[in-house]
Amino acid sequence: MTLGLSRPRNWGKEMQIAALAITLKRAQVAYQIKDGKLWITPSNGVIQSLPFTGSCADLVHVERGRWEAHHPWDGRLLASGVSQRDVVAKTIRAITGV
């Protein structure tokens, strides 16, 4: 806990943003989060080639500092992390195999 601050800062935010950008570029996908669901579609980095047609994961905020992504049909755990951004990157890596 930090003194004088109302809540602890996420010091790894810049690293999470960089990791997500690298994952999106390697997997050549774009993502969108709608109603707690993660949607991905093929992309070349500039434009997306297909519309978002099906969700690939349900994002759940378990507790403070803990997010999880579950498979939408069977409920198995795909990824867990400290932020929504972190879980999105890990889920895309798990799904695409990058």
N, C-alpha and C. Protein backbone atom coordinates (compact mmCIF):
# COMPACT_ATOMS: atom_id res chain seq x y z
N MET A 1 0.85 -1.18 0.00
CA MET A 1 0.00 0.00 0.00
C MET A 1 0.88 1.23 0.00
N THR A 2 0.54 2.20 -0.78
CA THR A 2 1.31 3.44 -0.84
C THR A 2 0.67 4.48 0.07
N LEU A 3 1.51 5.18 0.75
CA LEU A 3 1.01 6.22 1.65
C LEU A 3 0.65 7.47 0.87
N GLY A 4 -0.45 8.07 1.22
CA GLY A 4 -0.85 9.32 0.60
C GLY A 4 -1.63 9.17 -0.69
N LEU A 5 -1.75 7.98 -1.22
CA LEU A 5 -2.52 7.77 -2.44
C LEU A 5 -3.81 7.03 -2.11
N SER A 6 -4.87 7.37 -2.81
CA SER A 6 -6.14 6.73 -2.52
C SER A 6 -6.17 5.28 -2.98
N ARG A 7 -5.38 4.95 -4.01
CA ARG A 7 -5.30 3.57 -4.48
C ARG A 7 -3.93 3.34 -5.10
N PRO A 8 -3.44 2.12 -5.08
CA PRO A 8 -2.13 1.87 -5.67
C PRO A 8 -2.16 2.03 -7.18
N ARG A 9 -1.07 2.52 -7.74
CA ARG A 9 -0.98 2.71 -9.19
C ARG A 9 -0.56 1.43 -9.86
N ASN A 10 -1.00 1.27 -11.08
CA ASN A 10 -0.62 0.12 -11.88
C ASN A 10 0.68 0.48 -12.61
N TRP A 11 1.81 0.18 -11.98
CA TRP A 11 3.10 0.59 -12.54
C TRP A 11 3.45 -0.18 -13.81
N GLY A 12 2.80 -1.30 -14.07
CA GLY A 12 3.10 -2.08 -15.27
C GLY A 12 2.25 -1.72 -16.47
N LYS A 13 1.53 -0.61 -16.41
CA LYS A 13 0.61 -0.23 -17.48
C LYS A 13 1.31 -0.07 -18.82
N GLU A 14 2.45 0.59 -18.86
CA GLU A 14 3.17 0.79 -20.12
C GLU A 14 3.63 -0.55 -20.70
N MET A 15 4.07 -1.45 -19.83
CA MET A 15 4.51 -2.77 -20.30
C MET A 15 3.33 -3.58 -20.84
N GLN A 16 2.16 -3.44 -20.22
CA GLN A 16 0.97 -4.14 -20.69
C GLN A 16 0.53 -3.61 -22.04
N ILE A 17 0.60 -2.30 -22.24
CA ILE A 17 0.23 -1.70 -23.53
C ILE A 17 1.19 -2.17 -24.61
N ALA A 18 2.48 -2.21 -24.32
CA ALA A 18 3.47 -2.66 -25.29
C ALA A 18 3.28 -4.14 -25.62
N ALA A 19 3.02 -4.96 -24.61
CA ALA A 19 2.80 -6.40 -24.84
C ALA A 19 1.55 -6.64 -25.69
N LEU A 20 0.49 -5.87 -25.46
CA LEU A 20 -0.72 -6.01 -26.25
C LEU A 20 -0.47 -5.60 -27.69
N ALA A 21 0.25 -4.50 -27.90
CA ALA A 21 0.56 -4.04 -29.27
C ALA A 21 1.39 -5.08 -30.03
N ILE A 22 2.37 -5.67 -29.35
CA ILE A 22 3.20 -6.70 -29.99
C ILE A 22 2.35 -7.92 -30.33
N THR A 23 1.49 -8.33 -29.42
CA THR A 23 0.63 -9.50 -29.66
C THR A 23 -0.31 -9.26 -30.83
N LEU A 24 -0.91 -8.06 -30.90
CA LEU A 24 -1.83 -7.75 -32.00
C LEU A 24 -1.10 -7.76 -33.34
N LYS A 25 0.12 -7.23 -33.36
CA LYS A 25 0.89 -7.19 -34.60
C LYS A 25 1.30 -8.59 -35.05
N ARG A 26 1.78 -9.42 -34.11
CA ARG A 26 2.21 -10.78 -34.45
C ARG A 26 1.05 -11.66 -34.90
N ALA A 27 -0.08 -11.56 -34.21
CA ALA A 27 -1.24 -12.40 -34.53
C ALA A 27 -2.04 -11.84 -35.70
N GLN A 28 -1.80 -10.59 -36.06
CA GLN A 28 -2.50 -9.89 -37.13
C GLN A 28 -4.01 -9.94 -36.91
N VAL A 29 -4.41 -9.47 -35.73
CA VAL A 29 -5.83 -9.39 -35.39
C VAL A 29 -6.14 -8.03 -34.80
N ALA A 30 -7.41 -7.71 -34.79
CA ALA A 30 -7.94 -6.54 -34.08
C ALA A 30 -8.92 -7.07 -33.05
N TYR A 31 -9.10 -6.33 -31.97
CA TYR A 31 -10.03 -6.80 -30.94
C TYR A 31 -11.01 -5.70 -30.56
N GLN A 32 -12.11 -6.15 -29.97
CA GLN A 32 -13.13 -5.25 -29.47
C GLN A 32 -13.74 -5.90 -28.23
N ILE A 33 -14.05 -5.09 -27.24
CA ILE A 33 -14.70 -5.60 -26.03
C ILE A 33 -16.10 -4.99 -25.99
N LYS A 34 -17.10 -5.88 -25.97
CA LYS A 34 -18.49 -5.44 -25.95
C LYS A 34 -19.25 -6.27 -24.92
N ASP A 35 -19.85 -5.61 -23.95
CA ASP A 35 -20.65 -6.28 -22.93
C ASP A 35 -19.90 -7.40 -22.21
N GLY A 36 -18.63 -7.19 -21.91
CA GLY A 36 -17.85 -8.17 -21.20
C GLY A 36 -17.38 -9.35 -22.05
N LYS A 37 -17.51 -9.22 -23.35
CA LYS A 37 -17.07 -10.28 -24.26
C LYS A 37 -15.96 -9.76 -25.15
N LEU A 38 -14.98 -10.61 -25.40
CA LEU A 38 -13.86 -10.26 -26.27
C LEU A 38 -14.14 -10.77 -27.68
N TRP A 39 -14.04 -9.89 -28.67
CA TRP A 39 -14.26 -10.23 -30.07
C TRP A 39 -12.97 -9.96 -30.81
N ILE A 40 -12.53 -10.88 -31.65
CA ILE A 40 -11.34 -10.64 -32.47
C ILE A 40 -11.67 -10.91 -33.93
N THR A 41 -10.92 -10.26 -34.82
CA THR A 41 -11.09 -10.42 -36.26
C THR A 41 -9.73 -10.24 -36.93
N PRO A 42 -9.51 -10.86 -38.09
CA PRO A 42 -8.23 -10.67 -38.79
C PRO A 42 -8.01 -9.20 -39.17
N SER A 43 -6.76 -8.79 -39.15
CA SER A 43 -6.40 -7.41 -39.46
C SER A 43 -4.97 -7.38 -39.96
N ASN A 44 -4.66 -6.38 -40.78
CA ASN A 44 -3.27 -6.25 -41.24
C ASN A 44 -2.54 -5.14 -40.49
N GLY A 45 -3.11 -4.66 -39.42
CA GLY A 45 -2.50 -3.61 -38.63
C GLY A 45 -3.05 -2.23 -38.93
N VAL A 46 -3.61 -2.06 -40.11
CA VAL A 46 -4.18 -0.77 -40.48
C VAL A 46 -5.69 -0.85 -40.53
N ILE A 47 -6.21 -1.84 -41.24
CA ILE A 47 -7.66 -2.03 -41.34
C ILE A 47 -8.01 -3.46 -40.97
N GLN A 48 -9.21 -3.63 -40.46
CA GLN A 48 -9.67 -5.00 -40.20
C GLN A 48 -10.34 -5.51 -41.46
N SER A 49 -10.10 -6.78 -41.77
CA SER A 49 -10.60 -7.31 -43.03
C SER A 49 -11.99 -7.90 -42.92
N LEU A 50 -12.40 -8.32 -41.75
CA LEU A 50 -13.72 -8.92 -41.56
C LEU A 50 -14.43 -8.25 -40.39
N PRO A 51 -15.75 -8.28 -40.37
CA PRO A 51 -16.46 -7.73 -39.21
C PRO A 51 -16.32 -8.65 -38.00
N PHE A 52 -16.58 -8.11 -36.82
CA PHE A 52 -16.55 -8.91 -35.60
C PHE A 52 -17.81 -9.78 -35.59
N THR A 53 -17.66 -11.09 -35.76
CA THR A 53 -18.83 -11.95 -35.92
C THR A 53 -19.13 -12.83 -34.71
N GLY A 54 -18.15 -13.22 -33.95
CA GLY A 54 -18.40 -14.09 -32.80
C GLY A 54 -17.43 -13.81 -31.67
N SER A 55 -17.91 -13.92 -30.45
CA SER A 55 -17.02 -13.66 -29.32
C SER A 55 -16.14 -14.88 -29.07
N CYS A 56 -14.93 -14.64 -28.61
CA CYS A 56 -14.00 -15.74 -28.36
C CYS A 56 -13.74 -15.94 -26.88
N ALA A 57 -14.17 -15.00 -26.03
CA ALA A 57 -13.95 -15.15 -24.59
C ALA A 57 -14.88 -14.22 -23.81
N ASP A 58 -15.21 -14.66 -22.61
CA ASP A 58 -15.96 -13.83 -21.68
C ASP A 58 -14.97 -13.29 -20.65
N LEU A 59 -14.91 -11.96 -20.51
CA LEU A 59 -14.00 -11.34 -19.56
C LEU A 59 -14.72 -11.10 -18.24
N VAL A 60 -14.09 -11.54 -17.15
CA VAL A 60 -14.70 -11.45 -15.83
C VAL A 60 -13.74 -10.76 -14.88
N HIS A 61 -14.24 -9.74 -14.17
CA HIS A 61 -13.46 -9.08 -13.13
C HIS A 61 -13.71 -9.84 -11.84
N VAL A 62 -12.73 -10.66 -11.44
CA VAL A 62 -12.90 -11.54 -10.29
C VAL A 62 -12.80 -10.76 -8.99
N GLU A 63 -11.73 -9.99 -8.85
CA GLU A 63 -11.51 -9.17 -7.67
C GLU A 63 -10.54 -8.06 -8.05
N ARG A 64 -10.27 -7.19 -7.13
CA ARG A 64 -9.38 -6.08 -7.43
C ARG A 64 -8.01 -6.59 -7.85
N GLY A 65 -7.58 -6.20 -9.04
CA GLY A 65 -6.29 -6.62 -9.55
C GLY A 65 -6.28 -8.02 -10.13
N ARG A 66 -7.46 -8.56 -10.46
CA ARG A 66 -7.51 -9.90 -11.04
C ARG A 66 -8.64 -10.00 -12.05
N TRP A 67 -8.27 -10.30 -13.29
CA TRP A 67 -9.22 -10.51 -14.38
C TRP A 67 -9.02 -11.91 -14.92
N GLU A 68 -10.10 -12.48 -15.47
CA GLU A 68 -10.02 -13.80 -16.09
C GLU A 68 -10.79 -13.79 -17.40
N ALA A 69 -10.34 -14.63 -18.32
CA ALA A 69 -11.04 -14.83 -19.59
C ALA A 69 -11.46 -16.29 -19.65
N HIS A 70 -12.76 -16.52 -19.85
CA HIS A 70 -13.30 -17.87 -19.92
C HIS A 70 -13.83 -18.14 -21.32
N HIS A 71 -13.72 -19.39 -21.75
CA HIS A 71 -14.25 -19.80 -23.04
C HIS A 71 -15.77 -19.64 -23.00
N PRO A 72 -16.37 -19.07 -24.06
CA PRO A 72 -17.81 -18.78 -24.01
C PRO A 72 -18.71 -20.02 -23.99
N TRP A 73 -18.23 -21.15 -24.49
CA TRP A 73 -19.11 -22.33 -24.56
C TRP A 73 -18.91 -23.30 -23.42
N ASP A 74 -17.67 -23.64 -23.10
CA ASP A 74 -17.46 -24.63 -22.06
C ASP A 74 -16.99 -24.05 -20.74
N GLY A 75 -16.69 -22.75 -20.69
CA GLY A 75 -16.35 -22.09 -19.44
C GLY A 75 -14.94 -22.31 -18.94
N ARG A 76 -14.08 -22.97 -19.72
CA ARG A 76 -12.72 -23.20 -19.24
C ARG A 76 -11.93 -21.90 -19.21
N LEU A 77 -10.97 -21.84 -18.31
CA LEU A 77 -10.15 -20.65 -18.14
C LEU A 77 -9.12 -20.55 -19.26
N LEU A 78 -9.14 -19.45 -20.00
CA LEU A 78 -8.19 -19.22 -21.08
C LEU A 78 -6.98 -18.42 -20.61
N ALA A 79 -7.22 -17.41 -19.76
CA ALA A 79 -6.13 -16.56 -19.28
C ALA A 79 -6.57 -15.84 -18.03
N SER A 80 -5.58 -15.43 -17.24
CA SER A 80 -5.85 -14.59 -16.08
C SER A 80 -4.73 -13.57 -15.97
N GLY A 81 -5.04 -12.41 -15.40
CA GLY A 81 -4.04 -11.37 -15.30
C GLY A 81 -4.47 -10.26 -14.37
N VAL A 82 -3.66 -9.20 -14.33
CA VAL A 82 -3.89 -8.12 -13.39
C VAL A 82 -4.80 -7.02 -13.93
N SER A 83 -5.00 -6.97 -15.25
CA SER A 83 -5.88 -5.96 -15.83
C SER A 83 -6.58 -6.53 -17.05
N GLN A 84 -7.58 -5.84 -17.50
CA GLN A 84 -8.32 -6.28 -18.69
C GLN A 84 -7.40 -6.32 -19.91
N ARG A 85 -6.54 -5.34 -20.03
CA ARG A 85 -5.58 -5.26 -21.14
C ARG A 85 -4.63 -6.45 -21.12
N ASP A 86 -4.16 -6.82 -19.95
CA ASP A 86 -3.25 -7.94 -19.77
C ASP A 86 -3.93 -9.25 -20.17
N VAL A 87 -5.18 -9.42 -19.76
CA VAL A 87 -5.93 -10.64 -20.08
C VAL A 87 -6.24 -10.73 -21.56
N VAL A 88 -6.52 -9.61 -22.21
CA VAL A 88 -6.79 -9.61 -23.65
C VAL A 88 -5.55 -10.10 -24.40
N ALA A 89 -4.38 -9.59 -24.05
CA ALA A 89 -3.14 -10.01 -24.72
C ALA A 89 -2.89 -11.50 -24.50
N LYS A 90 -3.05 -11.98 -23.29
CA LYS A 90 -2.82 -13.40 -22.99
C LYS A 90 -3.84 -14.29 -23.69
N THR A 91 -5.09 -13.84 -23.78
CA THR A 91 -6.13 -14.63 -24.45
C THR A 91 -5.86 -14.73 -25.94
N ILE A 92 -5.45 -13.63 -26.57
CA ILE A 92 -5.14 -13.67 -28.00
C ILE A 92 -3.98 -14.60 -28.25
N ARG A 93 -2.96 -14.56 -27.38
CA ARG A 93 -1.83 -15.48 -27.52
C ARG A 93 -2.28 -16.93 -27.37
N ALA A 94 -3.20 -17.21 -26.44
CA ALA A 94 -3.67 -18.57 -26.22
C ALA A 94 -4.51 -19.08 -27.39
N ILE A 95 -5.30 -18.21 -27.97
CA ILE A 95 -6.20 -18.62 -29.07
C ILE A 95 -5.44 -18.77 -30.38
N THR A 96 -4.57 -17.81 -30.69
CA THR A 96 -3.89 -17.84 -31.98
C THR A 96 -2.61 -18.64 -31.97
N GLY A 97 -2.07 -18.93 -30.80
CA GLY A 97 -0.84 -19.69 -30.72
C GLY A 97 0.42 -18.88 -31.04
N VAL A 98 0.33 -17.57 -30.90
CA VAL A 98 1.47 -16.69 -31.18
C VAL A 98 2.41 -16.66 -30.01
